Amino acid sequence: MTVAVVVDSGSDLTPSQLRETGIRQVPLSVSFGEETFLSPDEMTPEAFWERLSAPDSPFAHTAAPSVGLFKREFEKAFTDGHEAVVCVCLSEGLSATVKHARMAGELLPGKRIAILDSKSASMGMSALAMRATSLAESGASADEIESQLTRMRDRLDLYVGLDTLEYLRKGGRIGHAKAAIGGLLSIKPIITMVDGVVVVADQPRTRSKATERVIELLTERPVAELHVLYSPPADPDVFREAVLARLPAPAPRVVTTQIIGPVIGTHIGPGAYGAIRVFGD
């Protein structure tokens, strides 16, 4: 494979998935008070959710990888014999990762490095990275991969039900007023992303109504890929089967389920459930 695929850890790909696919990852960091961990190498999703749910746990914060970390990973890819790099990053509307990746690429003049703003997060990023890997293995060039990923990005969306908007508020990813209203009315918000920014898609008053609404939104039309994501204590199995049972034919050719990792989990909080869907060509 002459094109290396790089992601940041906002993709929620696990170390085992990275090893299996050959995708390279640049880690964001997650901090609890004075303690900082590279995610997921130094803090697994399971350890993160246990720590977050502890009564005395300080509020978690995330930080984008440095320019140097991106530059080092790009250099490793070229040293390993790759002719080009395609880097899929967490939405620029959520993080500085895209900016830092671009700056790192500029430090390597003459090297073909394509930086793609996923305008998504979690499994939205990993779906793009997996497609990039498949294309690279088939011999596609960096230009061809970048072009196809850009088209795929426009056919990808997500809907996620939350217990609260408080984590998004604390992390600065949604307005204080919106979060305050949600808390006052005991709303169970449903979020999506528009132009790479988190927005509230609906505001049911109960968990059961929110779950039903998320399923409705996800099953409006057939999908080519369905990537279910969740944070404990949500049960992804029942939710996934309910979505699959109501999706119009044809059935999706790819179905995956993934726990939300520390980077995205810091801003989503516990009890989240939803899916990324990719529409066909």
C-alpha atoms as a PDB file:
ATOM      1  CA  MET A   1       0.000   0.000   0.000  1.00  0.00           C
ATOM      2  CA  THR A   2       1.669   3.238  -1.121  1.00  0.00           C
ATOM      3  CA  VAL A   3      -0.801   5.549   0.656  1.00  0.00           C
ATOM      4  CA  ALA A   4      -0.785   5.625   4.476  1.00  0.00           C
ATOM      5  CA  VAL A   5      -4.009   6.430   6.308  1.00  0.00           C
ATOM      6  CA  VAL A   6      -3.768   8.528   9.470  1.00  0.00           C
ATOM      7  CA  VAL A   7      -6.491   9.536  11.940  1.00  0.00           C
ATOM      8  CA  ASP A   8      -6.612  11.305  15.261  1.00  0.00           C
ATOM      9  CA  SER A   9      -8.127   9.493  18.229  1.00  0.00           C
ATOM     10  CA  GLY A  10     -11.422  11.321  17.895  1.00  0.00           C
ATOM     11  CA  SER A  11     -12.194   8.407  15.571  1.00  0.00           C
ATOM     12  CA  ASP A  12     -12.736   6.007  18.532  1.00  0.00           C
ATOM     13  CA  LEU A  13     -10.746   3.308  16.739  1.00  0.00           C
ATOM     14  CA  THR A  14      -9.282   0.904  19.294  1.00  0.00           C
ATOM     15  CA  PRO A  15      -5.624  -0.207  19.362  1.00  0.00           C
ATOM     16  CA  SER A  16      -6.660  -3.653  18.061  1.00  0.00           C
ATOM     17  CA  GLN A  17      -8.578  -2.095  15.151  1.00  0.00           C
ATOM     18  CA  LEU A  18      -5.580   0.051  14.302  1.00  0.00           C
ATOM     19  CA  ARG A  19      -3.320  -2.986  14.265  1.00  0.00           C
ATOM     20  CA  GLU A  20      -5.737  -4.967  12.094  1.00  0.00           C
ATOM     21  CA  THR A  21      -6.219  -2.196   9.507  1.00  0.00           C
ATOM     22  CA  GLY A  22      -2.794  -0.570   9.519  1.00  0.00           C
ATOM     23  CA  ILE A  23      -4.361   2.834  10.154  1.00  0.00           C
ATOM     24  CA  ARG A  24      -1.997   5.163  12.017  1.00  0.00           C
ATOM     25  CA  GLN A  25      -3.330   7.256  14.883  1.00  0.00           C
ATOM     26  CA  VAL A  26      -2.269  10.546  16.417  1.00  0.00           C
ATOM     27  CA  PRO A  27      -3.652  10.735  19.973  1.00  0.00           C
ATOM     28  CA  LEU A  28      -5.575  13.531  21.597  1.00  0.00           C
ATOM     29  CA  SER A  29      -5.147  13.856  25.344  1.00  0.00           C
ATOM     30  CA  VAL A  30      -7.767  13.616  28.072  1.00  0.00           C
ATOM     31  CA  SER A  31      -7.193  15.244  31.454  1.00  0.00           C
ATOM     32  CA  PHE A  32      -8.816  14.747  34.838  1.00  0.00           C
ATOM     33  CA  GLY A  33      -7.554  17.572  36.990  1.00  0.00           C
ATOM     34  CA  GLU A  34      -3.747  17.410  36.935  1.00  0.00           C
ATOM     35  CA  GLU A  35      -3.639  13.927  35.373  1.00  0.00           C
ATOM     36  CA  THR A  36      -3.334  13.713  31.595  1.00  0.00           C
ATOM     37  CA  PHE A  37      -3.627  10.603  29.445  1.00  0.00           C
ATOM     38  CA  LEU A  38      -3.115   9.945  25.751  1.00  0.00           C
ATOM     39  CA  SER A  39      -6.282   8.362  24.399  1.00  0.00           C
ATOM     40  CA  PRO A  40      -6.744   5.428  24.000  1.00  0.00           C
ATOM     41  CA  ASP A  41      -3.197   4.120  24.599  1.00  0.00           C
ATOM     42  CA  GLU A  42      -2.970   5.359  28.189  1.00  0.00           C
ATOM     43  CA  MET A  43      -6.690   5.264  28.985  1.00  0.00           C
ATOM     44  CA  THR A  44      -9.069   2.706  27.522  1.00  0.00           C
ATOM     45  CA  PRO A  45     -12.753   3.511  27.007  1.00  0.00           C
ATOM     46  CA  GLU A  46     -13.666   1.192  29.884  1.00  0.00           C
ATOM     47  CA  ALA A  47     -11.228   2.901  32.261  1.00  0.00           C
ATOM     48  CA  PHE A  48     -12.443   6.311  31.110  1.00  0.00           C
ATOM     49  CA  TRP A  49     -16.121   5.607  31.790  1.00  0.00           C
ATOM     50  CA  GLU A  50     -15.303   4.157  35.201  1.00  0.00           C
ATOM     51  CA  ARG A  51     -13.298   7.260  36.055  1.00  0.00           C
ATOM     52  CA  LEU A  52     -15.908   9.679  34.687  1.00  0.00           C
ATOM     53  CA  SER A  53     -18.687   8.060  36.704  1.00  0.00           C
ATOM     54  CA  ALA A  54     -16.755   8.198  39.994  1.00  0.00           C
ATOM     55  CA  PRO A  55     -18.472  10.584  42.480  1.00  0.00           C
ATOM     56  CA  ASP A  56     -15.279  12.564  43.174  1.00  0.00           C
ATOM     57  CA  SER A  57     -14.016  12.689  39.596  1.00  0.00           C
ATOM     58  CA  PRO A  58     -13.030  16.167  38.326  1.00  0.00           C
ATOM     59  CA  PHE A  59     -14.493  17.364  35.039  1.00  0.00           C
ATOM     60  CA  ALA A  60     -12.557  15.951  32.090  1.00  0.00           C
ATOM     61  CA  HIS A  61     -10.937  18.078  29.386  1.00  0.00           C
ATOM     62  CA  THR A  62      -9.497  17.197  25.987  1.00  0.00           C
ATOM     63  CA  ALA A  63      -6.648  18.721  24.007  1.00  0.00           C
ATOM     64  CA  ALA A  64      -5.742  18.404  20.321  1.00  0.00           C
ATOM     65  CA  PRO A  65      -2.487  16.704  19.307  1.00  0.00           C
ATOM     66  CA  SER A  66       0.444  19.020  18.792  1.00  0.00           C
ATOM     67  CA  VAL A  67       1.771  19.900  15.362  1.00  0.00           C
ATOM     68  CA  GLY A  68       4.869  17.906  16.285  1.00  0.00           C
ATOM     69  CA  LEU A  69       2.900  14.710  16.919  1.00  0.00           C
ATOM     70  CA  PHE A  70       1.283  14.933  13.482  1.00  0.00           C
ATOM     71  CA  LYS A  71       4.619  15.719  11.817  1.00  0.00           C
ATOM     72  CA  ARG A  72       6.260  12.729  13.496  1.00  0.00           C
ATOM     73  CA  GLU A  73       3.517  10.348  12.349  1.00  0.00           C
ATOM     74  CA  PHE A  74       3.662  11.675   8.791  1.00  0.00           C
ATOM     75  CA  GLU A  75       7.446  11.260   8.750  1.00  0.00           C
ATOM     76  CA  LYS A  76       7.137   7.676  10.006  1.00  0.00           C
ATOM     77  CA  ALA A  77       4.757   6.872   7.167  1.00  0.00           C
ATOM     78  CA  PHE A  78       7.235   8.110   4.556  1.00  0.00           C
ATOM     79  CA  THR A  79      10.138   6.369   6.288  1.00  0.00           C
ATOM     80  CA  ASP A  80       8.134   3.133   6.118  1.00  0.00           C
ATOM     81  CA  GLY A  81       8.001   3.471   2.338  1.00  0.00           C
ATOM     82  CA  HIS A  82       4.633   5.111   1.702  1.00  0.00           C
ATOM     83  CA  GLU A  83       4.485   7.613  -1.134  1.00  0.00           C
ATOM     84  CA  ALA A  84       1.623   9.709   0.273  1.00  0.00           C
ATOM     85  CA  VAL A  85      -0.524  10.248   3.372  1.00  0.00           C
ATOM     86  CA  VAL A  86      -4.272  10.743   3.733  1.00  0.00           C
ATOM     87  CA  CYS A  87      -5.159  12.103   7.177  1.00  0.00           C
ATOM     88  CA  VAL A  88      -8.782  12.071   8.390  1.00  0.00           C
ATOM     89  CA  CYS A  89      -9.364  14.510  11.254  1.00  0.00           C
ATOM     90  CA  LEU A  90     -11.986  15.326  13.840  1.00  0.00           C
ATOM     91  CA  SER A  91     -14.313  18.084  12.653  1.00  0.00           C
ATOM     92  CA  GLU A  92     -12.721  21.510  12.625  1.00  0.00           C
ATOM     93  CA  GLY A  93     -15.897  22.735  14.309  1.00  0.00           C
ATOM     94  CA  LEU A  94     -14.999  20.628  17.352  1.00  0.00           C
ATOM     95  CA  SER A  95     -11.220  20.611  17.588  1.00  0.00           C
ATOM     96  CA  ALA A  96      -7.964  22.170  16.424  1.00  0.00           C
ATOM     97  CA  THR A  97      -6.740  18.807  15.104  1.00  0.00           C
ATOM     98  CA  VAL A  98      -7.339  19.743  11.451  1.00  0.00           C
ATOM     99  CA  LYS A  99      -5.423  22.981  11.873  1.00  0.00           C
ATOM    100  CA  HIS A 100      -2.487  21.234  13.540  1.00  0.00           C
ATOM    101  CA  ALA A 101      -2.415  18.478  10.909  1.00  0.00           C
ATOM    102  CA  ARG A 102      -2.321  21.061   8.122  1.00  0.00           C
ATOM    103  CA  MET A 103       0.494  22.933   9.843  1.00  0.00           C
ATOM    104  CA  ALA A 104       2.445  19.676  10.177  1.00  0.00           C
ATOM    105  CA  GLY A 105       1.959  18.956   6.484  1.00  0.00           C
ATOM    106  CA  GLU A 106       3.357  22.374   5.602  1.00  0.00           C
ATOM    107  CA  LEU A 107       6.540  21.447   7.474  1.00  0.00           C
ATOM    108  CA  LEU A 108       7.137  18.619   5.011  1.00  0.00           C
ATOM    109  CA  PRO A 109       7.346  20.386   1.633  1.00  0.00           C
ATOM    110  CA  GLY A 110       7.393  18.143  -1.390  1.00  0.00           C
ATOM    111  CA  LYS A 111       5.473  15.386   0.378  1.00  0.00           C
ATOM    112  CA  ARG A 112       1.932  14.474  -0.724  1.00  0.00           C
ATOM    113  CA  ILE A 113      -0.194  14.844   2.413  1.00  0.00           C
ATOM    114  CA  ALA A 114      -3.964  15.184   2.059  1.00  0.00           C
ATOM    115  CA  ILE A 115      -5.750  16.514   5.152  1.00  0.00           C
ATOM    116  CA  LEU A 116      -9.489  15.826   5.263  1.00  0.00           C
ATOM    117  CA  ASP A 117     -11.826  17.562   7.700  1.00  0.00           C
ATOM    118  CA  SER A 118     -14.309  14.758   8.429  1.00  0.00           C
ATOM    119  CA  LYS A 119     -16.928  17.283   9.613  1.00  0.00           C
ATOM    120  CA  SER A 120     -17.865  14.427  11.934  1.00  0.00           C
ATOM    121  CA  ALA A 121     -16.578  12.485  14.934  1.00  0.00           C
ATOM    122  CA  SER A 122     -16.250   8.979  16.343  1.00  0.00           C
ATOM    123  CA  MET A 123     -17.536   6.353  13.914  1.00  0.00           C
ATOM    124  CA  GLY A 124     -18.120   9.026  11.285  1.00  0.00           C
ATOM    125  CA  MET A 125     -14.366   9.476  11.145  1.00  0.00           C
ATOM    126  CA  SER A 126     -13.581   5.778  11.346  1.00  0.00           C
ATOM    127  CA  ALA A 127     -16.009   4.970   8.499  1.00  0.00           C
ATOM    128  CA  LEU A 128     -14.080   7.422   6.313  1.00  0.00           C
ATOM    129  CA  ALA A 129     -10.730   6.010   7.447  1.00  0.00           C
ATOM    130  CA  MET A 130     -11.835   2.431   6.784  1.00  0.00           C
ATOM    131  CA  ARG A 131     -12.930   3.416   3.281  1.00  0.00           C
ATOM    132  CA  ALA A 132      -9.587   5.142   2.737  1.00  0.00           C
ATOM    133  CA  THR A 133      -7.758   1.979   3.767  1.00  0.00           C
ATOM    134  CA  SER A 134      -9.799  -0.144   1.387  1.00  0.00           C
ATOM    135  CA  LEU A 135      -9.118   2.259  -1.476  1.00  0.00           C
ATOM    136  CA  ALA A 136      -5.406   2.397  -0.667  1.00  0.00           C
ATOM    137  CA  GLU A 137      -5.178  -1.395  -0.633  1.00  0.00           C
ATOM    138  CA  SER A 138      -6.790  -1.466  -4.077  1.00  0.00           C
ATOM    139  CA  GLY A 139      -4.090   0.851  -5.415  1.00  0.00           C
ATOM    140  CA  ALA A 140      -5.924   4.184  -5.423  1.00  0.00           C
ATOM    141  CA  SER A 141      -3.799   7.316  -5.334  1.00  0.00           C
ATOM    142  CA  ALA A 142      -3.991   9.950  -2.601  1.00  0.00           C
ATOM    143  CA  ASP A 143      -5.883  12.239  -4.984  1.00  0.00           C
ATOM    144  CA  GLU A 144      -8.421   9.518  -5.772  1.00  0.00           C
ATOM    145  CA  ILE A 145      -8.858   8.647  -2.105  1.00  0.00           C
ATOM    146  CA  GLU A 146      -9.311  12.283  -1.097  1.00  0.00           C
ATOM    147  CA  SER A 147     -11.909  12.776  -3.833  1.00  0.00           C
ATOM    148  CA  GLN A 148     -13.898   9.681  -2.881  1.00  0.00           C
ATOM    149  CA  LEU A 149     -13.773  10.479   0.845  1.00  0.00           C
ATOM    150  CA  THR A 150     -15.059  13.992   0.163  1.00  0.00           C
ATOM    151  CA  ARG A 151     -18.054  12.551  -1.686  1.00  0.00           C
ATOM    152  CA  MET A 152     -18.620   9.978   1.066  1.00  0.00           C
ATOM    153  CA  ARG A 153     -18.482  12.692   3.724  1.00  0.00           C
ATOM    154  CA  ASP A 154     -21.424  14.387   2.047  1.00  0.00           C
ATOM    155  CA  ARG A 155     -23.414  11.127   2.309  1.00  0.00           C
ATOM    156  CA  LEU A 156     -22.751  10.622   6.004  1.00  0.00           C
ATOM    157  CA  ASP A 157     -24.676  11.869   9.018  1.00  0.00           C
ATOM    158  CA  LEU A 158     -25.370  10.973  12.638  1.00  0.00           C
ATOM    159  CA  TYR A 159     -28.063  11.129  15.297  1.00  0.00           C
ATOM    160  CA  VAL A 160     -27.250  10.573  18.954  1.00  0.00           C
ATOM    161  CA  GLY A 161     -29.542  10.643  21.976  1.00  0.00           C
ATOM    162  CA  LEU A 162     -28.079  12.128  25.165  1.00  0.00           C
ATOM    163  CA  ASP A 163     -29.069  12.123  28.802  1.00  0.00           C
ATOM    164  CA  THR A 164     -28.006  15.752  29.138  1.00  0.00           C
ATOM    165  CA  LEU A 165     -26.388  18.643  27.274  1.00  0.00           C
ATOM    166  CA  GLU A 166     -24.270  19.484  30.309  1.00  0.00           C
ATOM    167  CA  TYR A 167     -21.111  17.773  29.055  1.00  0.00           C
ATOM    168  CA  LEU A 168     -21.303  19.580  25.713  1.00  0.00           C
ATOM    169  CA  ARG A 169     -21.868  22.841  27.580  1.00  0.00           C
ATOM    170  CA  LYS A 170     -18.876  22.358  29.882  1.00  0.00           C
ATOM    171  CA  GLY A 171     -16.675  21.518  26.936  1.00  0.00           C
ATOM    172  CA  GLY A 172     -17.793  24.610  25.031  1.00  0.00           C
ATOM    173  CA  ARG A 173     -19.366  22.625  22.186  1.00  0.00           C
ATOM    174  CA  ILE A 174     -22.872  24.005  22.651  1.00  0.00           C
ATOM    175  CA  GLY A 175     -24.288  27.258  24.015  1.00  0.00           C
ATOM    176  CA  HIS A 176     -24.950  27.795  27.718  1.00  0.00           C
ATOM    177  CA  ALA A 177     -28.502  28.995  27.086  1.00  0.00           C
ATOM    178  CA  LYS A 178     -29.465  25.894  25.119  1.00  0.00           C
ATOM    179  CA  ALA A 179     -27.989  23.614  27.794  1.00  0.00           C
ATOM    180  CA  ALA A 180     -29.677  25.532  30.614  1.00  0.00           C
ATOM    181  CA  ILE A 181     -33.089  25.261  28.972  1.00  0.00           C
ATOM    182  CA  GLY A 182     -32.540  21.549  28.395  1.00  0.00           C
ATOM    183  CA  GLY A 183     -31.711  20.996  32.057  1.00  0.00           C
ATOM    184  CA  LEU A 184     -34.615  23.096  33.287  1.00  0.00           C
ATOM    185  CA  LEU A 185     -37.155  21.177  31.199  1.00  0.00           C
ATOM    186  CA  SER A 186     -35.561  17.752  31.835  1.00  0.00           C
ATOM    187  CA  ILE A 187     -35.215  17.317  28.082  1.00  0.00           C
ATOM    188  CA  LYS A 188     -33.478  14.267  26.600  1.00  0.00           C
ATOM    189  CA  PRO A 189     -31.755  15.955  23.651  1.00  0.00           C
ATOM    190  CA  ILE A 190     -30.964  14.420  20.280  1.00  0.00           C
ATOM    191  CA  ILE A 191     -27.946  15.872  18.537  1.00  0.00           C
ATOM    192  CA  THR A 192     -26.667  15.808  14.973  1.00  0.00           C
ATOM    193  CA  MET A 193     -23.924  17.666  13.116  1.00  0.00           C
ATOM    194  CA  VAL A 194     -24.461  20.361  10.506  1.00  0.00           C
ATOM    195  CA  ASP A 195     -21.420  21.704   8.649  1.00  0.00           C
ATOM    196  CA  GLY A 196     -19.192  20.069  11.240  1.00  0.00           C
ATOM    197  CA  VAL A 197     -20.879  21.675  14.273  1.00  0.00           C
ATOM    198  CA  VAL A 198     -23.066  20.014  16.900  1.00  0.00           C
ATOM    199  CA  VAL A 199     -26.716  21.091  16.830  1.00  0.00           C
ATOM    200  CA  VAL A 200     -29.819  19.880  18.647  1.00  0.00           C
ATOM    201  CA  ALA A 201     -32.078  17.962  16.243  1.00  0.00           C
ATOM    202  CA  ASP A 202     -34.958  17.348  18.661  1.00  0.00           C
ATOM    203  CA  GLN A 203     -35.829  17.670  22.340  1.00  0.00           C
ATOM    204  CA  PRO A 204     -38.121  14.883  23.621  1.00  0.00           C
ATOM    205  CA  ARG A 205     -39.131  14.991  27.277  1.00  0.00           C
ATOM    206  CA  THR A 206     -38.469  11.337  28.164  1.00  0.00           C
ATOM    207  CA  ARG A 207     -35.813   8.715  27.447  1.00  0.00           C
ATOM    208  CA  SER A 208     -38.305   6.382  25.785  1.00  0.00           C
ATOM    209  CA  LYS A 209     -39.601   9.113  23.470  1.00  0.00           C
ATOM    210  CA  ALA A 210     -36.057  10.151  22.652  1.00  0.00           C
ATOM    211  CA  THR A 211     -35.082   6.589  21.770  1.00  0.00           C
ATOM    212  CA  GLU A 212     -38.094   6.234  19.508  1.00  0.00           C
ATOM    213  CA  ARG A 213     -37.302   9.535  17.811  1.00  0.00           C
ATOM    214  CA  VAL A 214     -33.644   8.606  17.214  1.00  0.00           C
ATOM    215  CA  ILE A 215     -34.776   5.351  15.602  1.00  0.00           C
ATOM    216  CA  GLU A 216     -37.257   7.269  13.424  1.00  0.00           C
ATOM    217  CA  LEU A 217     -34.560   9.678  12.258  1.00  0.00           C
ATOM    218  CA  LEU A 218     -32.099   6.884  11.483  1.00  0.00           C
ATOM    219  CA  THR A 219     -34.581   4.777   9.511  1.00  0.00           C
ATOM    220  CA  GLU A 220     -36.095   7.396   7.203  1.00  0.00           C
ATOM    221  CA  ARG A 221     -34.399   5.864   4.163  1.00  0.00           C
ATOM    222  CA  PRO A 222     -32.132   2.926   3.225  1.00  0.00           C
ATOM    223  CA  VAL A 223     -28.467   3.147   4.215  1.00  0.00           C
ATOM    224  CA  ALA A 224     -25.337   1.478   2.897  1.00  0.00           C
ATOM    225  CA  GLU A 225     -23.544   1.475   6.245  1.00  0.00           C
ATOM    226  CA  LEU A 226     -24.755   1.705   9.841  1.00  0.00           C
ATOM    227  CA  HIS A 227     -22.286   2.354  12.654  1.00  0.00           C
ATOM    228  CA  VAL A 228     -23.903   2.173  16.102  1.00  0.00           C
ATOM    229  CA  LEU A 229     -22.175   3.995  18.953  1.00  0.00           C
ATOM    230  CA  TYR A 230     -22.917   4.198  22.660  1.00  0.00           C
ATOM    231  CA  SER A 231     -21.597   5.174  26.063  1.00  0.00           C
ATOM    232  CA  PRO A 232     -22.232   3.126  29.226  1.00  0.00           C
ATOM    233  CA  PRO A 233     -24.658   2.318  30.726  1.00  0.00           C
ATOM    234  CA  ALA A 234     -26.601   2.414  27.430  1.00  0.00           C
ATOM    235  CA  ASP A 235     -27.258  -1.032  25.903  1.00  0.00           C
ATOM    236  CA  PRO A 236     -26.332  -0.933  22.200  1.00  0.00           C
ATOM    237  CA  ASP A 237     -27.652  -4.378  21.260  1.00  0.00           C
ATOM    238  CA  VAL A 238     -31.361  -3.730  21.715  1.00  0.00           C
ATOM    239  CA  PHE A 239     -31.043  -0.326  20.063  1.00  0.00           C
ATOM    240  CA  ARG A 240     -29.120  -1.722  17.078  1.00  0.00           C
ATOM    241  CA  GLU A 241     -31.656  -4.489  16.468  1.00  0.00           C
ATOM    242  CA  ALA A 242     -34.532  -2.013  16.663  1.00  0.00           C
ATOM    243  CA  VAL A 243     -32.880   0.202  14.041  1.00  0.00           C
ATOM    244  CA  LEU A 244     -32.075  -2.718  11.734  1.00  0.00           C
ATOM    245  CA  ALA A 245     -35.623  -4.047  12.006  1.00  0.00           C
ATOM    246  CA  ARG A 246     -37.069  -0.752  10.782  1.00  0.00           C
ATOM    247  CA  LEU A 247     -34.568   0.231   8.109  1.00  0.00           C
ATOM    248  CA  PRO A 248     -36.066   0.087   4.610  1.00  0.00           C
ATOM    249  CA  ALA A 249     -34.593  -2.474   2.206  1.00  0.00           C
ATOM    250  CA  PRO A 250     -31.955  -3.105   1.066  1.00  0.00           C
ATOM    251  CA  ALA A 251     -30.187  -3.958   4.318  1.00  0.00           C
ATOM    252  CA  PRO A 252     -26.934  -2.101   5.008  1.00  0.00           C
ATOM    253  CA  ARG A 253     -23.849  -3.913   3.731  1.00  0.00           C
ATOM    254  CA  VAL A 254     -21.808  -2.801   6.749  1.00  0.00           C
ATOM    255  CA  VAL A 255     -23.025  -2.820  10.375  1.00  0.00           C
ATOM    256  CA  THR A 256     -20.691  -2.125  13.299  1.00  0.00           C
ATOM    257  CA  THR A 257     -21.056  -1.320  16.998  1.00  0.00           C
ATOM    258  CA  GLN A 258     -18.522   0.678  18.976  1.00  0.00           C
ATOM    259  CA  ILE A 259     -18.202   2.101  22.466  1.00  0.00           C
ATOM    260  CA  ILE A 260     -17.543   5.847  22.514  1.00  0.00           C
ATOM    261  CA  GLY A 261     -13.990   6.522  23.618  1.00  0.00           C
ATOM    262  CA  PRO A 262     -12.480   9.095  26.009  1.00  0.00           C
ATOM    263  CA  VAL A 263     -12.098  11.967  23.514  1.00  0.00           C
ATOM    264  CA  ILE A 264     -15.719  12.074  22.353  1.00  0.00           C
ATOM    265  CA  GLY A 265     -17.044  10.714  25.639  1.00  0.00           C
ATOM    266  CA  THR A 266     -15.721  13.748  27.503  1.00  0.00           C
ATOM    267  CA  HIS A 267     -18.220  15.898  25.603  1.00  0.00           C
ATOM    268  CA  ILE A 268     -21.093  13.398  25.231  1.00  0.00           C
ATOM    269  CA  GLY A 269     -21.328  11.994  28.743  1.00  0.00           C
ATOM    270  CA  PRO A 270     -22.734   8.635  29.907  1.00  0.00           C
ATOM    271  CA  GLY A 271     -25.890   6.988  28.591  1.00  0.00           C
ATOM    272  CA  ALA A 272     -25.561   8.136  24.958  1.00  0.00           C
ATOM    273  CA  TYR A 273     -26.760   6.017  22.045  1.00  0.00           C
ATOM    274  CA  GLY A 274     -27.112   6.551  18.312  1.00  0.00           C
ATOM    275  CA  ALA A 275     -25.523   5.810  14.976  1.00  0.00           C
ATOM    276  CA  ILE A 276     -23.659   7.136  12.003  1.00  0.00           C
ATOM    277  CA  ARG A 277     -25.261   6.249   8.711  1.00  0.00           C
ATOM    278  CA  VAL A 278     -23.677   6.311   5.268  1.00  0.00           C
ATOM    279  CA  PHE A 279     -25.966   6.501   2.260  1.00  0.00           C
ATOM    280  CA  GLY A 280     -25.297   4.662  -0.968  1.00  0.00           C
ATOM    281  CA  ASP A 281     -23.868   6.237  -4.103  1.00  0.00           C
END
